[in-house]
């Protein structure tokens, strides 16, 4: 705010928008998220409005990175509730964020392995010389290997699963 006093005692107040503040429209333009998504993030405690000016939301410049962080965490598989625990509306990370990130990284690595196996099977199916996959010995090897993977995963998650007597 700048106040100019003249000799006639006329007071003029000018309010300048800080270069580090963004309207919701500007935040939308900088992040690609719809205004409704930004308001939803506010309600979930993921994003903070710095202040209101004329009834409109005003965000700090840091909100751009906060939205980007939320999106990256979503892409990594975190739910919005998990993100709210990891990162507060101010953008500060929780003290135990490394443990949650490590667990999620393990999940992602496992998912990548699954995707690579599925990709390999699909690639073989498309490149296979046999008219019917049922006639392909490589296809049967892929299926047997996958069945072994399923069984190993079941044993790992439930040690008694491999020792049932039906």
C-alpha atoms as a PDB file:
ATOM      1  CA  UNK A   1       0.000   0.000   0.000  1.00  0.00           C
ATOM      2  CA  UNK A   2       1.266   3.462  -0.898  1.00  0.00           C
ATOM      3  CA  UNK A   3      -0.161   6.530   0.757  1.00  0.00           C
ATOM      4  CA  UNK A   4       0.286   9.892  -0.878  1.00  0.00           C
ATOM      5  CA  UNK A   5      -0.543  12.976   1.132  1.00  0.00           C
ATOM      6  CA  UNK A   6      -0.862  16.245  -0.690  1.00  0.00           C
ATOM      7  CA  UNK A   7      -0.893  19.703   0.711  1.00  0.00           C
ATOM      8  CA  UNK A   8      -4.681  19.695   0.428  1.00  0.00           C
ATOM      9  CA  UNK A   9      -4.763  16.658   2.745  1.00  0.00           C
ATOM     10  CA  UNK A  10      -6.192  14.312   0.178  1.00  0.00           C
ATOM     11  CA  UNK A  11      -5.227  10.780   1.025  1.00  0.00           C
ATOM     12  CA  UNK A  12      -4.880   8.310  -1.815  1.00  0.00           C
ATOM     13  CA  UNK A  13      -4.350   4.629  -1.124  1.00  0.00           C
ATOM     14  CA  UNK A  14      -3.057   2.326  -3.807  1.00  0.00           C
ATOM     15  CA  UNK A  15      -2.961  -1.424  -3.342  1.00  0.00           C
ATOM     16  CA  UNK A  16      -0.475  -3.291  -5.443  1.00  0.00           C
ATOM     17  CA  UNK A  17      -0.840  -6.986  -6.030  1.00  0.00           C
ATOM     18  CA  UNK A  18       2.327  -8.692  -4.970  1.00  0.00           C
ATOM     19  CA  UNK A  19       4.226 -10.357  -7.791  1.00  0.00           C
ATOM     20  CA  UNK A  20       4.312 -13.484  -5.664  1.00  0.00           C
ATOM     21  CA  UNK A  21       0.537 -13.799  -5.354  1.00  0.00           C
ATOM     22  CA  UNK A  22      -1.752 -15.601  -7.748  1.00  0.00           C
ATOM     23  CA  UNK A  23      -5.475 -15.603  -8.318  1.00  0.00           C
ATOM     24  CA  UNK A  24      -7.188 -18.958  -8.722  1.00  0.00           C
ATOM     25  CA  UNK A  25      -7.325 -18.336 -12.482  1.00  0.00           C
ATOM     26  CA  UNK A  26      -3.574 -17.705 -12.572  1.00  0.00           C
ATOM     27  CA  UNK A  27      -2.890 -20.816 -10.479  1.00  0.00           C
ATOM     28  CA  UNK A  28      -5.136 -22.784 -12.822  1.00  0.00           C
ATOM     29  CA  UNK A  29      -3.220 -21.473 -15.833  1.00  0.00           C
ATOM     30  CA  UNK A  30       0.173 -22.251 -14.250  1.00  0.00           C
ATOM     31  CA  UNK A  31      -0.737 -25.797 -13.183  1.00  0.00           C
ATOM     32  CA  UNK A  32      -3.345 -26.931 -15.701  1.00  0.00           C
ATOM     33  CA  UNK A  33      -5.734 -27.944 -12.918  1.00  0.00           C
ATOM     34  CA  UNK A  34      -9.356 -26.873 -12.982  1.00  0.00           C
ATOM     35  CA  UNK A  35     -10.446 -24.308 -10.416  1.00  0.00           C
ATOM     36  CA  UNK A  36     -12.785 -26.908  -8.940  1.00  0.00           C
ATOM     37  CA  UNK A  37      -9.801 -29.244  -8.355  1.00  0.00           C
ATOM     38  CA  UNK A  38      -7.881 -26.449  -6.630  1.00  0.00           C
ATOM     39  CA  UNK A  39     -10.846 -25.721  -4.366  1.00  0.00           C
ATOM     40  CA  UNK A  40     -11.155 -29.465  -3.666  1.00  0.00           C
ATOM     41  CA  UNK A  41      -7.486 -29.559  -2.643  1.00  0.00           C
ATOM     42  CA  UNK A  42      -8.203 -26.701  -0.237  1.00  0.00           C
ATOM     43  CA  UNK A  43     -11.083 -28.625   1.331  1.00  0.00           C
ATOM     44  CA  UNK A  44      -8.839 -31.692   1.686  1.00  0.00           C
ATOM     45  CA  UNK A  45      -6.205 -29.601   3.501  1.00  0.00           C
ATOM     46  CA  UNK A  46      -3.651 -29.897   0.696  1.00  0.00           C
ATOM     47  CA  UNK A  47      -3.571 -26.301  -0.476  1.00  0.00           C
ATOM     48  CA  UNK A  48      -3.769 -23.050   1.423  1.00  0.00           C
ATOM     49  CA  UNK A  49      -5.276 -19.752   0.369  1.00  0.00           C
ATOM     50  CA  UNK A  50      -2.944 -16.966   1.478  1.00  0.00           C
ATOM     51  CA  UNK A  51      -5.728 -14.425   1.732  1.00  0.00           C
ATOM     52  CA  UNK A  52      -8.887 -13.231   0.067  1.00  0.00           C
ATOM     53  CA  UNK A  53      -9.078 -10.028  -1.911  1.00  0.00           C
ATOM     54  CA  UNK A  54     -12.515  -8.803  -2.872  1.00  0.00           C
ATOM     55  CA  UNK A  55     -13.943 -12.219  -1.983  1.00  0.00           C
ATOM     56  CA  UNK A  56     -11.520 -13.996  -4.322  1.00  0.00           C
ATOM     57  CA  UNK A  57      -8.850 -16.496  -3.391  1.00  0.00           C
ATOM     58  CA  UNK A  58      -5.232 -15.360  -3.462  1.00  0.00           C
ATOM     59  CA  UNK A  59      -2.465 -17.958  -3.421  1.00  0.00           C
ATOM     60  CA  UNK A  60       1.201 -17.612  -2.681  1.00  0.00           C
ATOM     61  CA  UNK A  61       3.637 -18.324  -5.535  1.00  0.00           C
ATOM     62  CA  UNK A  62       4.632 -21.509  -3.702  1.00  0.00           C
ATOM     63  CA  UNK A  63       1.179 -22.928  -4.479  1.00  0.00           C
ATOM     64  CA  UNK A  64       2.421 -23.771  -8.001  1.00  0.00           C
ATOM     65  CA  UNK A  65       5.026 -26.144  -6.595  1.00  0.00           C
ATOM     66  CA  UNK A  66       2.565 -27.442  -4.007  1.00  0.00           C
ATOM     67  CA  UNK A  67       0.133 -28.444  -6.766  1.00  0.00           C
ATOM     68  CA  UNK A  68       2.988 -30.032  -8.726  1.00  0.00           C
ATOM     69  CA  UNK A  69       4.035 -32.016  -5.641  1.00  0.00           C
ATOM     70  CA  UNK A  70       0.473 -33.210  -5.069  1.00  0.00           C
ATOM     71  CA  UNK A  71       0.287 -34.357  -8.674  1.00  0.00           C
ATOM     72  CA  UNK A  72       3.624 -36.198  -8.512  1.00  0.00           C
ATOM     73  CA  UNK A  73       2.559 -37.963  -5.326  1.00  0.00           C
ATOM     74  CA  UNK A  74      -0.745 -38.916  -6.945  1.00  0.00           C
ATOM     75  CA  UNK A  75       1.164 -40.339  -9.925  1.00  0.00           C
ATOM     76  CA  UNK A  76       3.281 -42.344  -7.481  1.00  0.00           C
ATOM     77  CA  UNK A  77       0.079 -43.914  -6.176  1.00  0.00           C
ATOM     78  CA  UNK A  78      -0.518 -41.950  -2.996  1.00  0.00           C
ATOM     79  CA  UNK A  79      -4.139 -41.177  -2.178  1.00  0.00           C
ATOM     80  CA  UNK A  80      -5.134 -37.609  -1.357  1.00  0.00           C
ATOM     81  CA  UNK A  81      -5.582 -38.643   2.282  1.00  0.00           C
ATOM     82  CA  UNK A  82      -2.051 -40.051   2.348  1.00  0.00           C
ATOM     83  CA  UNK A  83      -0.734 -36.899   0.690  1.00  0.00           C
ATOM     84  CA  UNK A  84      -2.467 -34.759   3.314  1.00  0.00           C
ATOM     85  CA  UNK A  85      -0.582 -36.677   6.026  1.00  0.00           C
ATOM     86  CA  UNK A  86       2.749 -36.402   4.188  1.00  0.00           C
ATOM     87  CA  UNK A  87       2.536 -32.763   3.149  1.00  0.00           C
ATOM     88  CA  UNK A  88       0.585 -30.052   4.888  1.00  0.00           C
ATOM     89  CA  UNK A  89      -1.161 -27.160   3.124  1.00  0.00           C
ATOM     90  CA  UNK A  90       1.930 -25.010   3.643  1.00  0.00           C
ATOM     91  CA  UNK A  91       4.029 -27.461   1.636  1.00  0.00           C
ATOM     92  CA  UNK A  92       6.102 -28.590   4.616  1.00  0.00           C
ATOM     93  CA  UNK A  93       6.711 -32.315   4.677  1.00  0.00           C
ATOM     94  CA  UNK A  94       5.880 -34.402   7.711  1.00  0.00           C
ATOM     95  CA  UNK A  95       8.821 -35.632   9.797  1.00  0.00           C
ATOM     96  CA  UNK A  96       8.225 -39.278   8.813  1.00  0.00           C
ATOM     97  CA  UNK A  97       7.751 -38.737   5.077  1.00  0.00           C
ATOM     98  CA  UNK A  98      10.769 -40.919   4.212  1.00  0.00           C
ATOM     99  CA  UNK A  99       9.194 -44.080   5.626  1.00  0.00           C
ATOM    100  CA  UNK A 100       6.018 -43.572   3.582  1.00  0.00           C
ATOM    101  CA  UNK A 101       8.039 -42.706   0.476  1.00  0.00           C
ATOM    102  CA  UNK A 102      10.193 -45.829   0.903  1.00  0.00           C
ATOM    103  CA  UNK A 103       7.134 -48.057   1.231  1.00  0.00           C
ATOM    104  CA  UNK A 104       5.553 -46.479  -1.855  1.00  0.00           C
ATOM    105  CA  UNK A 105       8.789 -46.878  -3.805  1.00  0.00           C
ATOM    106  CA  UNK A 106       8.782 -50.597  -2.998  1.00  0.00           C
ATOM    107  CA  UNK A 107       5.182 -50.812  -4.240  1.00  0.00           C
ATOM    108  CA  UNK A 108       6.136 -48.987  -7.443  1.00  0.00           C
ATOM    109  CA  UNK A 109       9.108 -51.290  -8.039  1.00  0.00           C
ATOM    110  CA  UNK A 110       6.836 -54.306  -7.652  1.00  0.00           C
ATOM    111  CA  UNK A 111       4.314 -52.783 -10.022  1.00  0.00           C
ATOM    112  CA  UNK A 112       7.046 -52.070 -12.595  1.00  0.00           C
ATOM    113  CA  UNK A 113       8.090 -55.732 -12.432  1.00  0.00           C
ATOM    114  CA  UNK A 114       4.472 -56.801 -12.998  1.00  0.00           C
ATOM    115  CA  UNK A 115       4.118 -54.446 -15.936  1.00  0.00           C
ATOM    116  CA  UNK A 116       7.384 -55.667 -17.467  1.00  0.00           C
ATOM    117  CA  UNK A 117       6.243 -59.304 -17.214  1.00  0.00           C
ATOM    118  CA  UNK A 118       2.884 -58.432 -18.770  1.00  0.00           C
ATOM    119  CA  UNK A 119       4.616 -56.465 -21.524  1.00  0.00           C
ATOM    120  CA  UNK A 120       6.924 -59.377 -22.277  1.00  0.00           C
ATOM    121  CA  UNK A 121       3.957 -61.758 -22.517  1.00  0.00           C
ATOM    122  CA  UNK A 122       2.024 -59.415 -24.791  1.00  0.00           C
ATOM    123  CA  UNK A 123       5.071 -58.758 -26.970  1.00  0.00           C
ATOM    124  CA  UNK A 124       5.584 -62.499 -27.407  1.00  0.00           C
ATOM    125  CA  UNK A 125       1.887 -63.013 -28.161  1.00  0.00           C
ATOM    126  CA  UNK A 126       2.008 -60.386 -30.899  1.00  0.00           C
ATOM    127  CA  UNK A 127       5.293 -61.657 -32.355  1.00  0.00           C
ATOM    128  CA  UNK A 128       4.443 -65.366 -32.037  1.00  0.00           C
ATOM    129  CA  UNK A 129       4.583 -67.395 -35.242  1.00  0.00           C
ATOM    130  CA  UNK A 130       1.812 -69.726 -34.097  1.00  0.00           C
ATOM    131  CA  UNK A 131      -1.724 -68.982 -35.250  1.00  0.00           C
ATOM    132  CA  UNK A 132      -3.021 -70.092 -31.850  1.00  0.00           C
ATOM    133  CA  UNK A 133      -1.156 -69.303 -28.637  1.00  0.00           C
ATOM    134  CA  UNK A 134      -2.265 -72.685 -27.310  1.00  0.00           C
ATOM    135  CA  UNK A 135       0.194 -74.245 -29.790  1.00  0.00           C
ATOM    136  CA  UNK A 136       3.149 -72.145 -28.626  1.00  0.00           C
ATOM    137  CA  UNK A 137       5.563 -73.706 -26.113  1.00  0.00           C
ATOM    138  CA  UNK A 138       7.031 -70.300 -25.208  1.00  0.00           C
ATOM    139  CA  UNK A 139       3.547 -69.043 -24.329  1.00  0.00           C
ATOM    140  CA  UNK A 140       3.065 -72.064 -22.049  1.00  0.00           C
ATOM    141  CA  UNK A 141       6.449 -71.374 -20.370  1.00  0.00           C
ATOM    142  CA  UNK A 142       5.390 -67.765 -19.766  1.00  0.00           C
ATOM    143  CA  UNK A 143       2.112 -68.949 -18.229  1.00  0.00           C
ATOM    144  CA  UNK A 144       3.830 -71.522 -15.990  1.00  0.00           C
ATOM    145  CA  UNK A 145       6.342 -68.914 -14.823  1.00  0.00           C
ATOM    146  CA  UNK A 146       3.503 -66.527 -14.041  1.00  0.00           C
ATOM    147  CA  UNK A 147       1.643 -69.232 -12.120  1.00  0.00           C
ATOM    148  CA  UNK A 148       4.791 -69.815 -10.045  1.00  0.00           C
ATOM    149  CA  UNK A 149       5.012 -66.077  -9.375  1.00  0.00           C
ATOM    150  CA  UNK A 150       1.388 -66.047  -8.207  1.00  0.00           C
ATOM    151  CA  UNK A 151       1.976 -68.999  -5.903  1.00  0.00           C
ATOM    152  CA  UNK A 152       5.129 -67.437  -4.444  1.00  0.00           C
ATOM    153  CA  UNK A 153       3.288 -64.189  -3.790  1.00  0.00           C
ATOM    154  CA  UNK A 154       0.479 -66.082  -2.071  1.00  0.00           C
ATOM    155  CA  UNK A 155       2.964 -67.968   0.125  1.00  0.00           C
ATOM    156  CA  UNK A 156       4.740 -64.737   0.988  1.00  0.00           C
ATOM    157  CA  UNK A 157       1.541 -62.942   2.008  1.00  0.00           C
ATOM    158  CA  UNK A 158       0.152 -65.951   3.878  1.00  0.00           C
ATOM    159  CA  UNK A 159       2.751 -68.525   4.981  1.00  0.00           C
ATOM    160  CA  UNK A 160       0.036 -71.102   5.657  1.00  0.00           C
ATOM    161  CA  UNK A 161      -1.323 -70.776   2.098  1.00  0.00           C
ATOM    162  CA  UNK A 162       1.335 -73.075   0.663  1.00  0.00           C
ATOM    163  CA  UNK A 163       0.717 -75.762   3.298  1.00  0.00           C
ATOM    164  CA  UNK A 164      -3.033 -76.244   3.149  1.00  0.00           C
ATOM    165  CA  UNK A 165      -4.444 -79.705   3.019  1.00  0.00           C
ATOM    166  CA  UNK A 166      -7.831 -79.658   1.346  1.00  0.00           C
END
